[in-house]
Protein backbone atom coordinates (compact mmCIF):
# COMPACT_ATOMS: atom_id res chain seq x y z
CA MET A 1 18.77 8.12 -5.47
CA PRO A 2 18.17 4.67 -3.85
CA PRO A 3 17.52 1.66 -6.17
CA GLN A 4 13.94 1.08 -7.20
CA VAL A 5 11.92 -1.65 -5.56
CA SER A 6 11.50 -3.86 -8.61
CA GLY A 7 8.71 -6.28 -7.55
CA PRO A 8 6.07 -7.21 -4.92
CA LEU A 9 7.47 -7.41 -1.53
CA GLY A 10 5.35 -10.27 -0.22
CA PRO A 11 7.67 -13.09 -1.17
CA ARG A 12 10.69 -11.29 0.19
CA ARG A 13 9.00 -10.60 3.50
CA ARG A 14 8.05 -14.28 3.97
CA ILE A 15 11.61 -15.51 3.12
CA ALA A 16 12.94 -12.78 5.55
CA ALA A 17 10.61 -13.97 8.32
CA VAL A 18 11.51 -17.62 7.97
CA LEU A 19 15.33 -17.03 7.86
CA LYS A 20 15.10 -14.75 10.90
CA GLN A 21 13.11 -17.36 12.85
CA TRP A 22 15.61 -20.04 11.96
CA ARG A 23 18.53 -17.91 13.05
CA ASP A 24 16.81 -16.93 16.34
CA LYS A 25 16.10 -20.57 17.15
CA SER A 26 19.76 -21.57 16.34
CA GLY A 27 20.95 -19.00 18.78
CA GLU A 28 23.60 -17.79 16.35
CA SER A 29 24.35 -14.18 15.64
CA LEU A 30 24.31 -12.53 12.21
CA ASN A 31 28.26 -12.53 12.22
CA GLU A 32 28.30 -16.26 13.04
CA VAL A 33 26.03 -17.34 10.28
CA ALA A 34 27.61 -14.97 7.74
CA ASP A 35 31.03 -16.27 8.58
CA ALA A 36 29.92 -19.84 8.23
CA LEU A 37 28.45 -19.16 4.72
CA LEU A 38 31.34 -16.88 3.61
CA ILE A 39 28.98 -13.98 2.93
CA SER A 40 28.92 -10.48 4.41
CA THR A 41 27.03 -9.60 7.49
CA SER A 42 25.21 -6.81 5.55
CA LYS A 43 24.06 -9.28 2.92
CA LEU A 44 22.55 -11.55 5.62
CA SER A 45 20.95 -8.61 7.28
CA ARG A 46 19.31 -7.48 4.00
CA LEU A 47 18.01 -11.02 3.42
CA GLU A 48 16.40 -10.96 6.92
CA ASN A 49 14.98 -7.50 6.31
CA ALA A 50 13.52 -8.09 2.91
CA GLU A 51 15.76 -5.69 1.29
CA GLY A 52 16.74 -6.57 -2.29
CA LYS A 53 16.01 -9.64 -4.27
CA PRO A 54 17.00 -12.86 -2.48
CA ARG A 55 19.39 -15.07 -4.47
CA LEU A 56 18.75 -18.79 -4.96
CA ARG A 57 22.22 -19.80 -4.03
CA ASP A 58 22.14 -17.73 -0.72
CA VAL A 59 18.80 -19.18 0.31
CA ARG A 60 19.84 -22.77 -0.53
CA ASP A 61 23.07 -22.41 1.50
CA LEU A 62 20.95 -21.07 4.52
CA ILE A 63 18.63 -24.02 4.25
CA GLN A 64 21.61 -26.40 4.40
CA HIS A 65 23.27 -24.34 7.22
CA TYR A 66 20.09 -24.70 9.45
CA GLY A 67 19.57 -28.35 8.59
CA LYS A 68 16.20 -27.82 6.86
CA GLU A 69 16.93 -29.79 3.63
CA ARG A 70 13.98 -31.85 2.31
CA THR A 71 11.41 -30.05 4.54
CA SER A 72 8.21 -28.47 3.23
CA MET A 73 9.39 -25.10 4.41
CA ALA A 74 12.56 -25.39 2.33
CA THR A 75 10.46 -26.20 -0.70
CA GLN A 76 8.29 -23.16 -0.09
CA LEU A 77 11.29 -20.96 0.39
CA MET A 78 12.56 -21.84 -2.97
CA ARG A 79 9.12 -21.12 -4.50
CA TRP A 80 9.18 -17.75 -2.84
CA VAL A 81 12.66 -16.99 -4.22
CA GLU A 82 11.24 -17.66 -7.69
CA ALA A 83 8.26 -15.53 -6.99
CA ALA A 84 10.62 -12.70 -5.75
CA GLU A 85 12.13 -12.62 -9.23
CA ALA A 86 8.87 -11.29 -10.64
CA THR A 87 9.13 -7.73 -12.01
CA GLY A 88 6.59 -5.13 -10.88
CA TRP A 89 4.67 -3.25 -13.48
CA TRP A 90 5.86 0.02 -12.08
CA THR A 91 9.43 -0.70 -13.25
CA ASP A 92 8.30 0.60 -16.64
CA PHE A 93 8.35 4.09 -15.15
CA ASP A 94 11.30 6.45 -14.54
CA ASP A 95 12.87 6.55 -10.96
CA GLU A 96 12.27 10.34 -11.03
CA VAL A 97 8.53 9.88 -11.18
CA LEU A 98 8.35 7.07 -8.61
CA GLN A 99 10.73 8.58 -6.07
CA ASP A 100 10.22 12.28 -6.43
CA ARG A 101 7.77 12.64 -3.58
CA GLY A 102 8.87 9.88 -1.16
CA ARG A 103 9.23 6.35 -2.58
CA LEU A 104 5.92 5.73 -4.40
CA ASP A 105 7.65 2.50 -5.69
CA ILE A 106 7.70 1.07 -2.19
CA HIS A 107 4.02 1.87 -1.76
CA LEU A 108 3.13 0.22 -5.04
CA ALA A 109 5.19 -2.89 -4.05
CA TYR A 110 3.27 -3.23 -0.74
CA GLU A 111 -0.13 -2.57 -2.56
CA ALA A 112 0.69 -5.11 -5.26
CA ASP A 113 -0.14 -8.25 -3.24
CA ALA A 114 -2.27 -6.90 -0.38
CA ALA A 115 -5.66 -8.50 -0.01
CA VAL A 116 -7.41 -5.43 1.64
CA GLU A 117 -6.37 -1.81 1.56
CA ARG A 118 -7.89 0.32 4.42
CA VAL A 119 -7.42 4.03 3.79
CA TYR A 120 -8.29 7.32 5.39
CA THR A 121 -7.98 10.47 3.31
CA LEU A 122 -8.28 14.20 3.60
CA PRO A 123 -8.64 16.67 1.91
CA PHE A 124 -8.75 14.58 -1.21
CA VAL A 125 -10.70 11.43 -2.23
CA PRO A 126 -8.95 7.97 -2.15
CA ALA A 127 -6.58 7.63 -4.98
CA LEU A 128 -8.13 4.37 -6.18
CA LEU A 129 -11.50 6.25 -6.61
CA ALA A 130 -10.25 9.39 -8.20
CA THR A 131 -11.42 10.49 -11.62
CA ASP A 132 -8.97 11.51 -14.19
CA ASP A 133 -9.75 15.18 -14.21
CA TYR A 134 -9.66 15.17 -10.45
CA ALA A 135 -6.17 13.41 -10.24
CA GLU A 136 -4.73 15.65 -12.92
CA ALA A 137 -5.81 18.67 -11.00
CA ILE A 138 -4.15 17.54 -7.89
CA TYR A 139 -0.87 16.73 -9.75
CA ARG A 140 -0.89 20.26 -11.43
CA GLU A 141 -2.39 22.50 -8.89
CA MET A 142 -1.61 21.06 -5.56
CA GLU A 143 1.60 19.12 -6.11
CA ARG A 144 2.90 21.36 -8.91
CA ARG A 145 4.29 18.28 -10.84
CA PRO A 146 6.36 19.02 -14.00
CA GLU A 147 4.22 18.60 -17.08
CA ASP A 148 6.27 15.71 -18.31
CA GLN A 149 5.36 13.77 -15.15
CA ILE A 150 1.67 14.16 -15.51
CA GLY A 151 1.17 11.43 -18.22
CA PRO A 152 3.24 8.79 -16.30
CA LEU A 153 1.65 9.60 -13.09
CA MET A 154 -1.88 9.11 -14.53
CA ASN A 155 -0.76 5.74 -16.12
CA ILE A 156 0.41 4.71 -12.64
CA ARG A 157 -2.98 5.71 -11.24
CA HIS A 158 -4.84 3.73 -13.89
CA LYS A 159 -2.84 0.63 -13.15
CA ARG A 160 -3.45 1.01 -9.42
CA GLN A 161 -7.09 1.34 -10.04
CA GLU A 162 -7.11 -1.74 -12.27
CA ALA A 163 -6.45 -3.81 -9.13
CA LEU A 164 -9.95 -3.18 -8.01
CA LYS A 165 -11.16 -4.94 -11.07
CA ARG A 166 -8.67 -7.75 -11.78
CA ARG A 167 -5.12 -8.93 -10.77
CA ALA A 168 -3.05 -11.72 -12.19
CA GLY A 169 -3.08 -14.64 -9.77
CA LEU A 170 -4.88 -12.67 -7.13
CA ASP A 171 -8.51 -11.68 -6.28
CA PRO A 172 -9.24 -8.03 -6.94
CA LEU A 173 -8.10 -5.68 -4.20
CA LYS A 174 -10.72 -4.86 -1.49
CA LEU A 175 -10.86 -1.23 -0.59
CA VAL A 176 -12.25 -0.05 2.79
CA ALA A 177 -12.18 3.75 2.76
CA VAL A 178 -12.99 6.53 5.08
CA THR A 179 -12.74 10.19 3.90
CA HIS A 180 -13.34 13.29 5.82
CA GLU A 181 -16.29 15.46 4.91
CA SER A 182 -13.92 18.28 4.01
CA THR A 183 -12.89 16.05 1.11
CA LEU A 184 -16.35 16.34 -0.42
CA ARG A 185 -16.18 20.16 -0.25
CA GLN A 186 -12.56 20.73 -1.41
CA PHE A 187 -12.48 22.28 -4.76
CA VAL A 188 -9.75 20.89 -6.97
CA GLY A 189 -9.94 22.84 -10.13
CA PRO A 190 -13.36 24.12 -11.35
CA PRO A 191 -16.58 23.01 -9.55
CA LYS A 192 -17.44 20.62 -12.34
CA ILE A 193 -14.41 18.47 -11.57
CA LEU A 194 -15.68 18.09 -8.02
CA ARG A 195 -19.23 17.47 -9.08
CA ASP A 196 -18.08 14.71 -11.46
CA GLN A 197 -15.94 13.26 -8.73
CA LEU A 198 -18.76 13.14 -6.31
CA ASP A 199 -20.86 11.39 -9.02
CA GLU A 200 -18.01 8.83 -9.36
CA LEU A 201 -17.96 8.18 -5.61
CA LEU A 202 -21.76 7.43 -5.62
CA VAL A 203 -21.23 4.81 -8.44
CA ARG A 204 -17.99 3.22 -7.17
CA SER A 205 -19.04 3.03 -3.52
CA ARG A 206 -21.66 0.42 -4.64
CA GLU A 207 -19.06 -2.01 -6.05
CA ASP A 208 -18.83 -5.32 -4.08
CA ASN A 209 -15.25 -4.77 -3.13
CA VAL A 210 -15.46 -1.10 -2.24
CA THR A 211 -16.71 0.27 1.01
CA LEU A 212 -16.85 3.97 1.59
CA HIS A 213 -17.58 5.92 4.72
CA VAL A 214 -17.63 9.71 5.27
CA PHE A 215 -16.30 11.22 8.56
CA PRO A 216 -18.66 14.09 9.19
CA PHE A 217 -17.86 17.49 10.63
CA GLU A 218 -20.24 16.73 13.48
CA ALA A 219 -18.29 13.66 14.67
CA GLN A 220 -16.04 13.87 17.68
CA PRO A 221 -12.37 13.76 16.95
CA VAL A 222 -10.68 10.38 16.97
CA PRO A 223 -7.08 9.21 16.80
CA SER A 224 -5.53 9.07 13.38
CA MET A 225 -8.04 11.45 11.72
CA THR A 226 -5.47 14.16 10.99
CA CYS A 227 -3.10 12.29 8.56
CA MET A 228 -3.74 10.18 5.51
CA TYR A 229 -2.70 6.57 5.70
CA ALA A 230 -3.12 3.16 3.96
CA TYR A 231 -3.28 -0.04 6.08
CA PHE A 232 -2.34 -3.03 3.91
CA GLU A 233 -3.83 -6.26 5.07
CA TYR A 234 -2.41 -9.62 3.73
CA GLN A 235 -3.97 -12.99 3.74
CA ASP A 236 -0.88 -15.20 4.09
CA PRO A 237 -1.90 -18.51 5.70
CA SER A 238 1.57 -18.96 7.15
CA ASP A 239 1.26 -15.62 8.97
CA LEU A 240 4.69 -14.71 7.81
CA GLU A 241 3.63 -11.61 5.94
CA GLN A 242 2.43 -9.08 8.54
CA ASP A 243 0.12 -6.22 7.88
CA LEU A 244 1.74 -2.78 7.72
CA VAL A 245 0.81 0.90 7.49
CA ARG A 246 2.00 3.57 5.01
CA ILE A 247 1.46 7.06 6.21
CA GLU A 248 1.36 9.74 3.57
CA THR A 249 2.26 13.39 4.13
CA HIS A 250 3.35 16.26 1.85
CA ALA A 251 6.94 15.10 2.48
CA GLY A 252 6.33 11.64 1.29
CA PHE A 253 5.55 8.21 2.71
CA ARG A 254 6.56 6.61 5.93
CA THR A 255 6.26 2.76 6.74
CA ILE A 256 5.06 1.37 10.17
CA ASP A 257 5.65 -2.35 10.35
CA ASP A 258 6.04 -2.86 14.09
CA PRO A 259 3.29 -5.26 15.03
CA PRO A 260 1.96 -3.46 18.10
CA ARG A 261 1.85 -0.16 16.33
CA VAL A 262 0.21 -1.70 13.26
CA ALA A 263 -2.42 -3.19 15.56
CA GLU A 264 -3.08 0.25 16.99
CA TYR A 265 -3.79 1.55 13.45
CA ARG A 266 -6.13 -1.47 12.84
CA LYS A 267 -8.16 -0.49 15.90
CA ALA A 268 -8.03 3.26 14.91
CA HIS A 269 -9.40 2.47 11.51
CA ASP A 270 -12.29 0.65 13.11
CA THR A 271 -12.87 3.58 15.40
CA LEU A 272 -12.90 5.92 12.43
CA ILE A 273 -15.56 3.67 10.68
CA ASN A 274 -17.71 3.56 13.85
CA SER A 275 -17.48 7.32 14.22
CA SER A 276 -18.38 7.84 10.48
CA LEU A 277 -21.67 7.79 8.64
CA GLY A 278 -22.90 4.44 7.30
CA GLU A 279 -22.60 3.61 3.76
CA ASP A 280 -26.06 4.74 2.73
CA ALA A 281 -25.85 7.86 4.86
CA SER A 282 -22.36 8.65 3.33
CA ARG A 283 -23.96 8.50 -0.11
CA ASP A 284 -26.82 10.70 0.95
CA LEU A 285 -24.23 13.34 2.15
CA ILE A 286 -22.26 12.99 -1.10
CA ARG A 287 -25.38 13.42 -3.08
CA SER A 288 -26.44 16.52 -1.11
CA ILE A 289 -23.05 18.23 -1.52
CA ARG A 290 -23.12 17.31 -5.26
CA ASP A 291 -26.50 18.85 -5.77
CA SER A 292 -25.33 22.01 -4.04
CA LEU A 293 -22.54 22.58 -6.45
CA PRO A 294 -22.80 24.83 -9.61
CA LEU A 295 -22.96 22.89 -12.86
CA HIS A 296 -19.95 24.61 -14.38
C-alpha cells in the first residue's frame, strides 16, 4: 500500500512549480542539479512533482544553487516548506479506509485548500450535500463496505462537509454542483431516505456558497455527463497552484492535471450548467419528485 498523503498539497505544488521553473531557466537537467547538490535524481524529481514533504535543507540548497538567496520568492518558498509540514485531519484515519477504493487521501488533500469545488454527480447526490442516512445506505448497499469502516467513513464525510461552513485559515469552500435528474429518483434504501435527502437539497441549495443545478432528462447529451468528477479551483495569486480534476469511478479516482485537459473540463462544466435547469427550476423539480414519493 503506498504511503498516505499526510497534508494539503497546495504548498507542495507551489514549491514544485517554482523549482521546476528555476531549473528550466537554468538549462540544467535533473541529473546535473542532483549531482551538484549530492542528492538523488529521484529525490529531486519528487520535489518537482510535489511528491512527499519537501525538506527545509533540500529547498535551501536549491535556492543557493540557483542563486536566489535573499529574494522574495526564496522567502516565500521557505514559508511554503513550513506550511507543507502541516498534518491533514484525515491522517487520523486508517490507510485501509482511505485507500480501499482508490486513494481518497489524495482527494481530501486536494479538496483541503481548494477555493471552489465544481462537481457533477450521478446517480447519487454530491457527497458534501448528503444526509447521514443516505451516505450510510450508499456505503452499505452499493459499496458493500465492511461494517467496521462505516463509522470512520461517516466521520470523514462530516469533516468534508464542515468545509462548507468553516475552515481554519481559509474561507469556507464554495460548491458548484450539477447532478443528473436520475439522482433525484434513485432509491438508496427505503423511500424515506430519498425523501429526506431531497428535503436536504432544498435547504442546502439556498446557502450562499452552494449552487445546485439539475441536468434534466429532456436535455441534450453534453460532454462529461457520463462520469462523476470534481474540478478543484484554487485562488493562488502567484498562479503556481493550477486547477485540477479528479474523476471518480467504481474503480477509484483518477487525477487530471494537464492544463489543456483541465481547461476542457472547466468549459465542459459550464456547458453542463448552461444545459441544466436554473437554480429555482432545479428546486421546483426536486420538490415535485419529493412530493411524489411515499412517506415511508
